[in-house]
């Protein structure tokens, strides 16, 4: 397994986030409204994600990165969502976000928009695109 570095991140409270977002949006839009509400079930439309929410255990994982792309793409680098979930100490992880697509599957450099749950089906909104 790869080396894992863990860092504590600052977590502002919801009211502080709401205030900062409200001020920023109000400065750039004619009308804006920000409020803190219960998270909707993200498996339902219009979201159709692979899990109902972050479930109170968010993690931020930076896997691979630009050093593997320059000066040439290192096509031998492969990552597994189950390994990432294990290394972030979050079995059954809901994995969402952008990343490089599977070169060994697509055959060319590609982009991935992950929507998956470790141990579950790939979400309906997961896709990969050729670049």
N, C-alpha and C. Protein backbone atom coordinates (compact mmCIF):
# COMPACT_ATOMS: atom_id res chain seq x y z
N UNK A 1 0.83 -1.19 0.00
CA UNK A 1 0.00 0.00 0.00
C UNK A 1 0.87 1.25 0.00
N UNK A 2 0.31 2.32 -0.49
CA UNK A 2 1.01 3.59 -0.56
C UNK A 2 1.10 4.24 0.81
N UNK A 3 2.04 5.16 0.91
CA UNK A 3 2.21 5.93 2.14
C UNK A 3 1.02 6.88 2.30
N UNK A 4 0.49 6.94 3.51
CA UNK A 4 -0.66 7.81 3.79
C UNK A 4 -0.23 8.86 4.80
N UNK A 5 -0.51 10.11 4.49
CA UNK A 5 -0.28 11.21 5.42
C UNK A 5 -1.62 11.69 5.92
N UNK A 6 -1.74 11.88 7.22
CA UNK A 6 -2.99 12.36 7.78
C UNK A 6 -2.77 13.77 8.33
N UNK A 7 -3.73 14.65 8.09
CA UNK A 7 -3.66 16.03 8.55
C UNK A 7 -5.01 16.40 9.16
N UNK A 8 -4.97 17.11 10.26
CA UNK A 8 -6.20 17.66 10.84
C UNK A 8 -6.58 18.90 10.05
N UNK A 9 -7.83 19.03 9.69
CA UNK A 9 -8.30 20.19 8.94
C UNK A 9 -9.21 21.03 9.82
N UNK A 10 -9.18 22.32 9.59
CA UNK A 10 -10.08 23.23 10.30
C UNK A 10 -11.50 22.99 9.81
N UNK A 11 -12.43 22.85 10.73
CA UNK A 11 -13.83 22.63 10.37
C UNK A 11 -14.66 23.77 10.98
N UNK A 12 -15.04 24.75 10.15
CA UNK A 12 -15.85 25.85 10.67
C UNK A 12 -17.27 25.37 10.97
N UNK A 13 -17.97 26.08 11.83
CA UNK A 13 -19.35 25.69 12.12
C UNK A 13 -20.26 26.15 10.98
N UNK A 14 -21.42 25.55 10.90
CA UNK A 14 -22.35 25.82 9.80
C UNK A 14 -22.76 27.30 9.72
N UNK A 15 -22.95 27.93 10.86
CA UNK A 15 -23.37 29.33 10.84
C UNK A 15 -22.28 30.22 10.25
N UNK A 16 -21.02 29.93 10.56
CA UNK A 16 -19.91 30.70 9.99
C UNK A 16 -19.85 30.51 8.47
N UNK A 17 -20.00 29.27 8.03
CA UNK A 17 -19.99 28.98 6.59
C UNK A 17 -21.14 29.71 5.91
N UNK A 18 -22.32 29.66 6.53
CA UNK A 18 -23.50 30.31 5.97
C UNK A 18 -23.27 31.81 5.81
N UNK A 19 -22.70 32.43 6.83
CA UNK A 19 -22.44 33.88 6.81
C UNK A 19 -21.45 34.24 5.70
N UNK A 20 -20.36 33.51 5.59
CA UNK A 20 -19.35 33.79 4.57
C UNK A 20 -19.92 33.60 3.17
N UNK A 21 -20.68 32.52 2.96
CA UNK A 21 -21.30 32.29 1.66
C UNK A 21 -22.31 33.39 1.31
N UNK A 22 -23.12 33.78 2.29
CA UNK A 22 -24.11 34.84 2.07
C UNK A 22 -23.44 36.14 1.66
N UNK A 23 -22.38 36.52 2.37
CA UNK A 23 -21.68 37.76 2.04
C UNK A 23 -21.05 37.69 0.66
N UNK A 24 -20.41 36.59 0.33
CA UNK A 24 -19.78 36.45 -0.98
C UNK A 24 -20.78 36.45 -2.12
N UNK A 25 -21.88 35.75 -1.94
CA UNK A 25 -22.90 35.71 -2.99
C UNK A 25 -23.59 37.06 -3.15
N UNK A 26 -23.88 37.71 -2.03
CA UNK A 26 -24.55 39.01 -2.07
C UNK A 26 -23.68 40.06 -2.77
N UNK A 27 -22.38 39.91 -2.67
CA UNK A 27 -21.48 40.86 -3.32
C UNK A 27 -21.40 40.64 -4.83
N UNK A 28 -21.89 39.51 -5.30
CA UNK A 28 -21.74 39.18 -6.72
C UNK A 28 -23.05 38.92 -7.46
N UNK A 29 -24.16 38.84 -6.72
CA UNK A 29 -25.45 38.58 -7.36
C UNK A 29 -26.50 39.54 -6.83
N UNK A 30 -27.50 39.81 -7.67
CA UNK A 30 -28.56 40.73 -7.28
C UNK A 30 -29.33 40.19 -6.07
N UNK A 31 -29.65 38.92 -6.08
CA UNK A 31 -30.32 38.30 -4.94
C UNK A 31 -29.60 37.01 -4.58
N UNK A 32 -29.51 36.76 -3.30
CA UNK A 32 -28.86 35.52 -2.82
C UNK A 32 -29.40 35.21 -1.44
N UNK A 33 -29.57 33.93 -1.16
CA UNK A 33 -30.05 33.50 0.14
C UNK A 33 -29.34 32.21 0.53
N UNK A 34 -28.78 32.20 1.73
CA UNK A 34 -28.07 31.02 2.21
C UNK A 34 -28.68 30.63 3.55
N UNK A 35 -28.96 29.34 3.72
CA UNK A 35 -29.46 28.85 5.00
C UNK A 35 -28.94 27.45 5.25
N UNK A 36 -28.86 27.08 6.50
CA UNK A 36 -28.43 25.75 6.88
C UNK A 36 -29.68 24.90 7.07
N UNK A 37 -29.78 23.80 6.34
CA UNK A 37 -30.94 22.92 6.41
C UNK A 37 -30.47 21.47 6.53
N UNK A 38 -31.41 20.59 6.85
CA UNK A 38 -31.09 19.16 6.86
C UNK A 38 -30.73 18.73 5.43
N UNK A 39 -29.76 17.86 5.32
CA UNK A 39 -29.34 17.37 4.01
C UNK A 39 -30.46 16.54 3.39
N UNK A 40 -30.80 16.83 2.13
CA UNK A 40 -31.79 15.98 1.45
C UNK A 40 -31.17 14.62 1.15
N UNK A 41 -31.99 13.65 0.84
CA UNK A 41 -31.50 12.33 0.44
C UNK A 41 -30.88 12.47 -0.95
N UNK A 42 -29.55 12.39 -0.99
CA UNK A 42 -28.83 12.63 -2.24
C UNK A 42 -28.92 11.46 -3.23
N UNK A 43 -29.56 10.35 -2.83
CA UNK A 43 -29.78 9.26 -3.79
C UNK A 43 -30.96 9.56 -4.70
N UNK A 44 -31.78 10.52 -4.30
CA UNK A 44 -32.99 10.87 -5.07
C UNK A 44 -32.67 11.95 -6.11
N UNK A 45 -33.49 12.05 -7.17
CA UNK A 45 -33.33 13.13 -8.15
C UNK A 45 -33.49 14.48 -7.46
N UNK A 46 -32.81 15.48 -7.88
CA UNK A 46 -31.99 15.56 -9.09
C UNK A 46 -30.54 15.12 -8.88
N UNK A 47 -30.18 14.68 -7.68
CA UNK A 47 -28.78 14.37 -7.38
C UNK A 47 -28.37 12.97 -7.86
N UNK A 48 -29.16 11.97 -7.57
CA UNK A 48 -28.93 10.56 -7.91
C UNK A 48 -27.50 10.09 -7.60
N UNK A 49 -27.06 10.38 -6.38
CA UNK A 49 -25.73 9.95 -5.96
C UNK A 49 -25.80 8.55 -5.35
N UNK A 50 -24.64 7.97 -5.08
CA UNK A 50 -24.57 6.59 -4.61
C UNK A 50 -24.84 6.44 -3.12
N UNK A 51 -24.96 7.54 -2.39
CA UNK A 51 -25.25 7.49 -0.94
C UNK A 51 -26.15 8.66 -0.58
N UNK A 52 -26.91 8.53 0.51
CA UNK A 52 -27.85 9.59 0.87
C UNK A 52 -27.19 10.86 1.38
N UNK A 53 -25.91 10.82 1.75
CA UNK A 53 -25.20 12.00 2.23
C UNK A 53 -23.80 11.61 2.65
N UNK A 54 -23.10 12.53 3.30
CA UNK A 54 -21.74 12.25 3.75
C UNK A 54 -21.71 11.41 5.02
N UNK A 55 -22.85 11.28 5.65
CA UNK A 55 -23.02 10.38 6.80
C UNK A 55 -22.17 10.76 8.01
N UNK A 56 -21.76 12.00 8.13
CA UNK A 56 -21.05 12.47 9.31
C UNK A 56 -19.61 12.06 9.43
N UNK A 57 -19.04 11.43 8.43
CA UNK A 57 -17.63 11.00 8.49
C UNK A 57 -16.88 11.41 7.23
N UNK A 58 -16.82 12.71 6.93
CA UNK A 58 -16.15 13.11 5.70
C UNK A 58 -14.64 12.90 5.76
N UNK A 59 -14.07 12.58 4.63
CA UNK A 59 -12.63 12.47 4.45
C UNK A 59 -12.28 13.15 3.14
N UNK A 60 -11.10 13.68 3.08
CA UNK A 60 -10.58 14.26 1.85
C UNK A 60 -9.35 13.46 1.47
N UNK A 61 -9.37 12.80 0.33
CA UNK A 61 -8.25 11.98 -0.10
C UNK A 61 -7.70 12.52 -1.42
N UNK A 62 -6.42 12.81 -1.42
CA UNK A 62 -5.72 13.25 -2.63
C UNK A 62 -4.87 12.07 -3.07
N UNK A 63 -5.29 11.41 -4.12
CA UNK A 63 -4.64 10.17 -4.57
C UNK A 63 -3.93 10.43 -5.89
N UNK A 64 -2.65 10.07 -5.96
CA UNK A 64 -1.90 10.31 -7.20
C UNK A 64 -1.56 11.77 -7.32
N UNK A 65 -1.85 12.36 -8.46
CA UNK A 65 -1.65 13.78 -8.64
C UNK A 65 -0.78 14.13 -9.83
N UNK A 66 -0.58 15.43 -10.05
CA UNK A 66 0.19 15.93 -11.20
C UNK A 66 1.59 15.33 -11.35
N UNK A 67 2.30 15.01 -10.25
CA UNK A 67 3.64 14.44 -10.46
C UNK A 67 3.62 13.16 -11.31
N UNK A 68 2.47 12.47 -11.36
CA UNK A 68 2.38 11.26 -12.17
C UNK A 68 2.01 11.56 -13.62
N UNK A 69 1.84 12.83 -13.94
CA UNK A 69 1.44 13.22 -15.31
C UNK A 69 2.55 13.91 -16.08
N UNK A 70 3.56 14.46 -15.39
CA UNK A 70 4.62 15.20 -16.07
C UNK A 70 5.97 14.60 -15.73
N UNK A 71 6.90 14.54 -16.64
CA UNK A 71 6.77 15.05 -18.01
C UNK A 71 5.91 14.16 -18.90
N UNK A 72 5.73 12.89 -18.52
CA UNK A 72 4.84 12.00 -19.28
C UNK A 72 3.92 11.28 -18.31
N UNK A 73 2.72 10.96 -18.76
CA UNK A 73 1.77 10.23 -17.92
C UNK A 73 2.33 8.86 -17.57
N UNK A 74 2.26 8.51 -16.29
CA UNK A 74 2.71 7.19 -15.83
C UNK A 74 1.51 6.26 -15.86
N UNK A 75 1.33 5.59 -16.98
CA UNK A 75 0.14 4.78 -17.22
C UNK A 75 0.06 3.53 -16.36
N UNK A 76 1.13 3.20 -15.66
CA UNK A 76 1.13 2.01 -14.82
C UNK A 76 0.50 2.28 -13.45
N UNK A 77 0.22 3.52 -13.13
CA UNK A 77 -0.39 3.85 -11.83
C UNK A 77 -1.87 3.50 -11.86
N UNK A 78 -2.27 2.62 -10.95
CA UNK A 78 -3.68 2.22 -10.84
C UNK A 78 -4.09 2.32 -9.38
N UNK A 79 -5.30 2.79 -9.15
CA UNK A 79 -5.81 2.95 -7.79
C UNK A 79 -7.16 2.25 -7.68
N UNK A 80 -7.45 1.77 -6.50
CA UNK A 80 -8.66 1.01 -6.24
C UNK A 80 -9.47 1.73 -5.17
N UNK A 81 -10.74 1.97 -5.43
CA UNK A 81 -11.59 2.67 -4.47
C UNK A 81 -11.64 1.95 -3.13
N UNK A 82 -11.64 0.62 -3.14
CA UNK A 82 -11.69 -0.13 -1.88
C UNK A 82 -10.42 0.11 -1.07
N UNK A 83 -9.26 0.20 -1.74
CA UNK A 83 -8.01 0.50 -1.03
C UNK A 83 -8.04 1.91 -0.44
N UNK A 84 -8.56 2.86 -1.20
CA UNK A 84 -8.67 4.23 -0.71
C UNK A 84 -9.58 4.28 0.51
N UNK A 85 -10.71 3.57 0.46
CA UNK A 85 -11.64 3.53 1.60
C UNK A 85 -10.95 2.93 2.83
N UNK A 86 -10.18 1.88 2.63
CA UNK A 86 -9.48 1.24 3.74
C UNK A 86 -8.43 2.19 4.31
N UNK A 87 -7.66 2.84 3.46
CA UNK A 87 -6.59 3.72 3.93
C UNK A 87 -7.13 4.98 4.60
N UNK A 88 -8.34 5.40 4.27
CA UNK A 88 -8.94 6.55 4.94
C UNK A 88 -9.77 6.13 6.15
N UNK A 89 -9.68 4.84 6.49
CA UNK A 89 -10.38 4.28 7.65
C UNK A 89 -11.88 4.52 7.57
N UNK A 90 -12.41 4.28 6.37
CA UNK A 90 -13.83 4.49 6.15
C UNK A 90 -14.40 3.38 5.26
N UNK A 91 -14.53 2.17 5.81
CA UNK A 91 -15.11 1.10 5.00
C UNK A 91 -16.54 1.45 4.57
N UNK A 92 -16.90 1.07 3.37
CA UNK A 92 -18.22 1.43 2.85
C UNK A 92 -18.29 2.86 2.39
N UNK A 93 -17.13 3.46 2.11
CA UNK A 93 -17.04 4.88 1.78
C UNK A 93 -17.89 5.26 0.57
N UNK A 94 -18.43 6.45 0.64
CA UNK A 94 -19.12 7.10 -0.47
C UNK A 94 -18.04 7.95 -1.14
N UNK A 95 -17.71 7.63 -2.37
CA UNK A 95 -16.62 8.30 -3.07
C UNK A 95 -17.21 9.14 -4.19
N UNK A 96 -16.94 10.44 -4.11
CA UNK A 96 -17.48 11.36 -5.10
C UNK A 96 -16.42 12.39 -5.43
N UNK A 97 -16.30 12.73 -6.71
CA UNK A 97 -15.36 13.76 -7.10
C UNK A 97 -14.71 13.47 -8.44
N UNK A 98 -13.86 14.40 -8.84
CA UNK A 98 -13.20 14.30 -10.13
C UNK A 98 -11.84 13.64 -9.99
N UNK A 99 -11.39 13.04 -11.07
CA UNK A 99 -10.06 12.44 -11.09
C UNK A 99 -9.75 11.93 -12.48
N UNK A 100 -8.56 11.36 -12.60
CA UNK A 100 -8.17 10.77 -13.87
C UNK A 100 -8.93 9.47 -14.07
N UNK A 101 -9.35 9.23 -15.27
CA UNK A 101 -10.08 8.00 -15.58
C UNK A 101 -9.15 6.81 -15.73
N UNK A 102 -9.71 5.62 -15.86
CA UNK A 102 -8.91 4.39 -15.94
C UNK A 102 -8.33 4.17 -17.34
N UNK A 103 -7.08 4.58 -17.52
CA UNK A 103 -6.42 4.43 -18.83
C UNK A 103 -6.45 2.98 -19.30
N UNK A 104 -6.25 2.05 -18.37
CA UNK A 104 -6.21 0.63 -18.74
C UNK A 104 -7.57 0.10 -19.20
N UNK A 105 -8.65 0.85 -18.91
CA UNK A 105 -10.00 0.47 -19.35
C UNK A 105 -10.39 1.22 -20.61
N UNK A 106 -10.15 2.53 -20.62
CA UNK A 106 -10.59 3.39 -21.71
C UNK A 106 -9.60 3.35 -22.88
N UNK A 107 -8.31 3.19 -22.57
CA UNK A 107 -7.31 3.12 -23.62
C UNK A 107 -6.63 4.44 -23.94
N UNK A 108 -7.11 5.52 -23.35
CA UNK A 108 -6.52 6.85 -23.54
C UNK A 108 -6.64 7.62 -22.23
N UNK A 109 -5.93 8.75 -22.13
CA UNK A 109 -6.12 9.60 -20.97
C UNK A 109 -7.58 10.03 -20.93
N UNK A 110 -8.15 10.03 -19.74
CA UNK A 110 -9.56 10.38 -19.62
C UNK A 110 -9.81 11.03 -18.26
N UNK A 111 -10.97 11.58 -18.11
CA UNK A 111 -11.39 12.18 -16.85
C UNK A 111 -12.49 11.33 -16.24
N UNK A 112 -12.53 11.28 -14.92
CA UNK A 112 -13.53 10.47 -14.21
C UNK A 112 -14.31 11.40 -13.27
N UNK A 113 -15.60 11.19 -13.19
CA UNK A 113 -16.45 11.86 -12.21
C UNK A 113 -17.03 10.75 -11.35
N UNK A 114 -16.36 10.45 -10.23
CA UNK A 114 -16.75 9.30 -9.41
C UNK A 114 -18.04 9.56 -8.64
N UNK A 115 -18.86 8.54 -8.59
CA UNK A 115 -20.08 8.51 -7.79
C UNK A 115 -20.26 7.05 -7.41
N UNK A 116 -19.56 6.62 -6.37
CA UNK A 116 -19.54 5.21 -6.03
C UNK A 116 -19.56 5.03 -4.53
N UNK A 117 -19.95 3.84 -4.12
CA UNK A 117 -19.92 3.48 -2.72
C UNK A 117 -19.12 2.19 -2.61
N UNK A 118 -18.10 2.20 -1.77
CA UNK A 118 -17.26 1.02 -1.58
C UNK A 118 -18.13 -0.16 -1.18
N UNK A 119 -17.98 -1.25 -1.91
CA UNK A 119 -18.77 -2.43 -1.61
C UNK A 119 -20.14 -2.41 -2.25
N UNK A 120 -20.44 -1.36 -2.99
CA UNK A 120 -21.76 -1.25 -3.62
C UNK A 120 -21.61 -1.09 -5.12
N UNK A 121 -22.71 -0.80 -5.73
CA UNK A 121 -22.74 -0.60 -7.16
C UNK A 121 -22.20 0.79 -7.50
N UNK A 122 -21.63 0.91 -8.69
CA UNK A 122 -21.22 2.22 -9.17
C UNK A 122 -22.50 3.02 -9.38
N UNK A 123 -22.48 4.26 -8.92
CA UNK A 123 -23.67 5.11 -9.02
C UNK A 123 -24.08 5.37 -10.45
N UNK A 124 -25.36 5.62 -10.64
CA UNK A 124 -25.89 5.86 -11.98
C UNK A 124 -25.25 7.06 -12.64
N UNK A 125 -24.78 8.02 -11.84
CA UNK A 125 -24.21 9.24 -12.42
C UNK A 125 -22.71 9.13 -12.66
N UNK A 126 -22.08 8.01 -12.29
CA UNK A 126 -20.65 7.86 -12.57
C UNK A 126 -20.44 7.81 -14.07
N UNK A 127 -19.40 8.47 -14.50
CA UNK A 127 -19.10 8.41 -15.92
C UNK A 127 -17.63 8.71 -16.14
N UNK A 128 -17.17 8.37 -17.31
CA UNK A 128 -15.82 8.69 -17.71
C UNK A 128 -15.90 9.26 -19.11
N UNK A 129 -15.01 10.18 -19.40
CA UNK A 129 -15.02 10.84 -20.70
C UNK A 129 -13.64 10.78 -21.33
N UNK A 130 -13.60 10.58 -22.61
CA UNK A 130 -12.33 10.62 -23.32
C UNK A 130 -11.95 12.07 -23.54
N UNK A 131 -10.64 12.33 -23.43
CA UNK A 131 -10.15 13.69 -23.64
C UNK A 131 -9.25 13.69 -24.86
